[in-house]
Structure formats: C-alpha cells, structure tokens
Amino acid sequence: MDLAPSEISFLKDHNITAKDLFNAQGYSSKEYRVIMKELNKKIAYNATPCQKEGHRLRTRSGHCCQCNTAVIEFQKRNDSSGFVYIAGSLKGKLIKIGFTKAVEVRSESLNRTTYAGYKDWKILFAAKSNKAGIIENKSNSTLHKYAFGSTYEHDGKWQESTETYHCSYSKAKEIVINISSQKKISIVLDSRSDKYEFKNLIQP
C-alpha cells in the first residue's frame, strides 16, 4: 500500500482502517467516486494532490480530508444509516459482512466488480438501521480471526478485499444479531440455506 508515513499517522488518528481505503491511482475523481460508493470505501489515497497543500487523501465526495477533517465525520454520519448485510460465495466458500445504502442492488455490484475474485455472491441477510455502519464495523472487527483477505482485479486495477471470512453464515449472522441487540434494526432478508454453512477456519 503506497502511503507516506504522515498519511498513515493521519489515518490512524482518525480511526480509518485498511478496509476503508481505495487506491485511486490512475482513476479520475468521477471514476473513483462511483467505484468507492459501490465498494463502500470511505477514503481515496493516491488521489490527485490538493491545490492548497498537495495532500493525496480525499473523501468519496472528492474533498481533501487533511485540509478539512470535518468532512470525515460528516461522511461517517452519512454512511451510518442504511443496511448491514451478509453475503456468501459458494465458489470461494466465503462470507462477507458489509454496509450499503441500496441492498436490492448490492449482489449485482459485488458480482459485477468480481469482489474478492468471485462472481457468485448472494445476499443472505440484510437489516436496516440508522446505526448500520456501526454494526457493520463492529461485526467485521469481531470476525477478524476468520479473516481471509485477497486481491482481485477491477477495471484493470488491483484491489484488496478486507471484509471476507472463512466462516459459516450462521456464525456471521449470530455476531451481527448480538451486536444489533441494543440497536433498533429491521430485518428485511433472512435466508436459510445449509449451502452457506462453511467451516469456521481460524487464520494462523
């Protein structure tokens, strides 16, 4: 990951992790905004330097987040309300927990972008909440021991998947439900399929 020490320090200070980042090198701002929205990425790095200080970190809307840190919190608040979902890939034997504003088209975008290298993603579970972004983040943190990161090609560029796990659908659902217990959620989809009950494999 091509980040300067000052950028790494800035991201750490604002609790922005690798899963929130998108490598914008070679993309126009118009292009990376669309892709970042599809992949639910918050900060672009290797973006066109800002005119004021030459910073290369920008929000999904194209603002320099180093010159104006307030845009980070604005985006976090805006991103929090929506759907937390669980998706599964039979070919990859993978489970993904994510956040989206439009769950009805999320599987299509995952498959179109060949997320994690697979095109058979299916949305298994979805719940609407004004704290969906927070639920998604805490669920991913809880599942970290089953994490399976991979690189995949999208529009001729290599990207990294950071929200995919070698675990069962029921394990992922249990974690999401437990984390959601004190937050108001409305379940809109809950599949029941043994095909996605993959082995829970703790990564070394």
Protein backbone atom coordinates (compact mmCIF):
# COMPACT_ATOMS: atom_id res chain seq x y z
CA MET A 1 0.00 0.00 0.00
CA ASP A 2 1.62 3.25 -1.17
CA LEU A 3 1.12 5.58 1.79
CA ALA A 4 3.51 8.17 3.22
CA PRO A 5 4.30 7.99 6.98
CA SER A 6 2.36 11.24 7.52
CA GLU A 7 -0.68 9.75 5.76
CA ILE A 8 -0.52 6.56 7.83
CA SER A 9 -0.37 8.64 11.01
CA PHE A 10 -3.31 10.79 9.88
CA LEU A 11 -5.47 7.76 9.08
CA LYS A 12 -4.62 6.13 12.41
CA ASP A 13 -5.53 9.31 14.31
CA HIS A 14 -8.97 9.31 12.65
CA ASN A 15 -9.63 5.56 13.10
CA ILE A 16 -9.59 4.87 9.37
CA THR A 17 -8.54 1.29 8.62
CA ALA A 18 -7.33 -0.52 5.51
CA LYS A 19 -10.83 -1.73 4.68
CA ASP A 20 -11.97 1.91 4.38
CA LEU A 21 -9.33 2.79 1.76
CA PHE A 22 -9.40 2.80 -2.03
CA ASN A 23 -6.35 3.16 -4.28
CA ALA A 24 -7.35 5.97 -6.65
CA GLN A 25 -4.15 5.94 -8.67
CA GLY A 26 -5.00 6.09 -12.39
CA TYR A 27 -8.66 6.98 -11.79
CA SER A 28 -10.34 10.31 -12.33
CA SER A 29 -12.33 11.71 -9.41
CA LYS A 30 -15.54 10.93 -11.28
CA GLU A 31 -14.47 7.30 -11.72
CA TYR A 32 -13.29 6.60 -8.21
CA ARG A 33 -16.35 8.19 -6.61
CA VAL A 34 -18.62 5.68 -8.35
CA ILE A 35 -16.42 2.69 -7.52
CA MET A 36 -15.93 3.75 -3.91
CA LYS A 37 -19.67 4.04 -3.43
CA GLU A 38 -20.16 0.52 -4.81
CA LEU A 39 -17.42 -0.92 -2.57
CA ASN A 40 -18.35 1.21 0.46
CA LYS A 41 -14.88 2.76 0.69
CA LYS A 42 -14.50 5.99 2.66
CA ILE A 43 -11.11 7.47 1.79
CA ALA A 44 -9.21 7.51 -1.50
CA TYR A 45 -5.41 7.52 -1.42
CA ASN A 46 -3.02 8.28 -4.29
CA ALA A 47 -5.65 10.77 -5.44
CA THR A 48 -4.83 13.99 -7.30
CA PRO A 49 -2.98 16.25 -4.80
CA CYS A 50 -5.00 19.13 -3.40
CA GLN A 51 -4.04 22.63 -4.54
CA LYS A 52 -3.50 24.02 -1.04
CA GLU A 53 -1.03 21.55 0.50
CA GLY A 54 -0.60 18.74 -2.03
CA HIS A 55 -2.43 16.19 0.13
CA ARG A 56 -3.37 12.90 -1.60
CA LEU A 57 -6.14 11.69 0.74
CA ARG A 58 -9.69 12.53 -0.30
CA THR A 59 -13.18 11.57 0.81
CA ARG A 60 -15.53 9.74 -1.51
CA SER A 61 -17.04 13.09 -2.49
CA GLY A 62 -13.61 14.35 -3.56
CA HIS A 63 -12.80 16.67 -0.63
CA CYS A 64 -9.31 16.84 0.88
CA CYS A 65 -9.81 15.32 4.33
CA GLN A 66 -6.42 16.52 5.59
CA CYS A 67 -7.19 20.18 4.94
CA ASN A 68 -10.69 19.85 6.39
CA THR A 69 -11.01 16.96 8.85
CA ALA A 70 -14.68 17.80 9.48
CA VAL A 71 -15.62 16.11 6.19
CA ILE A 72 -14.55 12.76 7.67
CA GLU A 73 -17.08 12.92 10.49
CA PHE A 74 -19.76 14.17 8.11
CA GLN A 75 -19.20 11.18 5.85
CA LYS A 76 -19.16 8.76 8.80
CA ARG A 77 -22.53 10.08 9.99
CA ASN A 78 -23.94 9.92 6.49
CA ASP A 79 -22.65 6.39 5.99
CA SER A 80 -24.03 5.07 9.28
CA SER A 81 -27.69 4.88 8.21
CA GLY A 82 -28.54 2.10 5.76
CA PHE A 83 -28.34 -1.69 5.62
CA VAL A 84 -25.89 -4.12 7.16
CA TYR A 85 -25.81 -7.28 5.08
CA ILE A 86 -24.24 -10.73 4.92
CA ALA A 87 -23.29 -12.15 1.54
CA GLY A 88 -21.93 -15.55 0.59
CA SER A 89 -19.89 -17.02 -2.27
CA LEU A 90 -20.21 -20.76 -2.83
CA LYS A 91 -17.20 -20.92 -5.14
CA GLY A 92 -14.95 -19.08 -2.72
CA LYS A 93 -16.56 -20.61 0.39
CA LEU A 94 -16.51 -17.10 1.77
CA ILE A 95 -18.79 -14.91 3.84
CA LYS A 96 -18.80 -11.11 3.65
CA ILE A 97 -20.33 -8.60 6.03
CA GLY A 98 -20.91 -5.18 4.51
CA PHE A 99 -22.84 -1.95 4.54
CA THR A 100 -24.92 -0.47 1.74
CA LYS A 101 -27.50 2.19 1.08
CA ALA A 102 -29.26 0.04 -1.54
CA VAL A 103 -29.36 -3.63 -0.56
CA GLU A 104 -31.55 -4.55 -3.54
CA VAL A 105 -28.66 -3.98 -5.97
CA ARG A 106 -25.72 -4.95 -3.77
CA SER A 107 -25.29 -8.52 -5.05
CA GLU A 108 -25.28 -7.21 -8.61
CA SER A 109 -22.49 -4.74 -7.84
CA LEU A 110 -20.46 -7.34 -5.92
CA ASN A 111 -20.65 -9.71 -8.88
CA ARG A 112 -20.05 -7.01 -11.47
CA THR A 113 -16.87 -5.90 -9.69
CA THR A 114 -15.84 -9.56 -9.13
CA TYR A 115 -15.38 -8.82 -5.44
CA ALA A 116 -12.58 -10.93 -3.93
CA GLY A 117 -12.31 -12.66 -7.31
CA TYR A 118 -15.78 -14.24 -7.38
CA LYS A 119 -18.99 -13.59 -9.32
CA ASP A 120 -21.48 -15.73 -7.42
CA TRP A 121 -22.18 -13.51 -4.41
CA LYS A 122 -25.66 -13.79 -2.93
CA ILE A 123 -27.16 -11.56 -0.23
CA LEU A 124 -28.24 -13.90 2.58
CA PHE A 125 -29.20 -11.44 5.30
CA ALA A 126 -29.98 -7.73 5.47
CA ALA A 127 -31.16 -5.44 8.24
CA LYS A 128 -32.00 -1.75 8.10
CA SER A 129 -30.78 0.53 10.86
CA ASN A 130 -29.70 4.11 11.44
CA LYS A 131 -26.63 2.52 13.08
CA ALA A 132 -25.95 0.05 10.26
CA GLY A 133 -22.47 1.41 9.59
CA ILE A 134 -21.52 0.98 13.24
CA ILE A 135 -22.97 -2.56 13.34
CA GLU A 136 -21.06 -3.49 10.20
CA ASN A 137 -17.78 -2.15 11.56
CA LYS A 138 -18.11 -3.92 14.93
CA SER A 139 -19.18 -7.19 13.26
CA ASN A 140 -16.14 -7.15 10.99
CA SER A 141 -13.87 -6.48 13.96
CA THR A 142 -15.40 -9.41 15.87
CA LEU A 143 -14.90 -11.77 12.91
CA HIS A 144 -11.25 -10.82 12.36
CA LYS A 145 -9.91 -14.24 13.42
CA TYR A 146 -11.68 -15.81 10.42
CA ALA A 147 -10.50 -13.09 8.02
CA PHE A 148 -9.34 -14.09 4.55
CA GLY A 149 -8.01 -11.17 2.52
CA SER A 150 -7.41 -11.45 -1.21
CA THR A 151 -6.54 -9.25 -4.16
CA TYR A 152 -8.74 -9.00 -7.23
CA GLU A 153 -8.78 -7.03 -10.46
CA HIS A 154 -11.40 -4.35 -11.05
CA ASP A 155 -11.35 -2.12 -14.13
CA GLY A 156 -7.75 -3.08 -14.81
CA LYS A 157 -6.58 -2.17 -11.28
CA TRP A 158 -5.78 -4.47 -8.37
CA GLN A 159 -7.88 -4.02 -5.24
CA GLU A 160 -7.87 -5.77 -1.87
CA SER A 161 -10.84 -7.41 -0.17
CA THR A 162 -10.74 -6.91 3.59
CA GLU A 163 -14.23 -7.97 4.69
CA THR A 164 -14.28 -11.63 3.66
CA TYR A 165 -14.20 -14.58 6.05
CA HIS A 166 -13.82 -18.33 6.16
CA CYS A 167 -16.80 -18.91 8.42
CA SER A 168 -20.40 -20.10 8.32
CA TYR A 169 -23.39 -17.94 7.55
CA SER A 170 -24.86 -18.79 10.96
CA LYS A 171 -21.67 -17.63 12.72
CA ALA A 172 -21.72 -14.30 10.88
CA LYS A 173 -25.45 -13.85 11.49
CA GLU A 174 -25.05 -14.64 15.21
CA ILE A 175 -22.43 -11.90 15.55
CA VAL A 176 -24.49 -9.32 13.65
CA ILE A 177 -27.61 -10.09 15.72
CA ASN A 178 -25.68 -9.93 19.01
CA ILE A 179 -24.11 -6.59 18.12
CA SER A 180 -27.51 -5.30 16.98
CA SER A 181 -29.24 -6.33 20.23
CA GLN A 182 -29.22 -2.83 21.73
CA LYS A 183 -29.80 -1.01 18.46
CA LYS A 184 -33.06 -0.75 16.57
CA ILE A 185 -32.94 -2.85 13.41
CA SER A 186 -35.49 -4.06 10.91
CA ILE A 187 -34.62 -7.38 9.26
CA VAL A 188 -35.61 -7.31 5.60
CA LEU A 189 -33.98 -10.56 4.46
CA ASP A 190 -33.03 -13.75 6.28
CA SER A 191 -32.11 -16.73 4.12
CA ARG A 192 -31.94 -20.23 5.49
CA SER A 193 -29.58 -22.33 3.39
CA ASP A 194 -27.20 -25.07 4.54
CA LYS A 195 -25.12 -24.46 1.40
CA TYR A 196 -23.50 -21.46 3.08
CA GLU A 197 -22.65 -23.18 6.34
CA PHE A 198 -18.91 -23.15 5.60
CA LYS A 199 -16.31 -24.31 8.12
CA ASN A 200 -15.15 -21.76 10.68
CA LEU A 201 -11.43 -21.58 9.91
CA ILE A 202 -9.29 -19.50 12.28
CA GLN A 203 -6.45 -17.92 10.36
CA PRO A 204 -2.90 -18.61 11.60
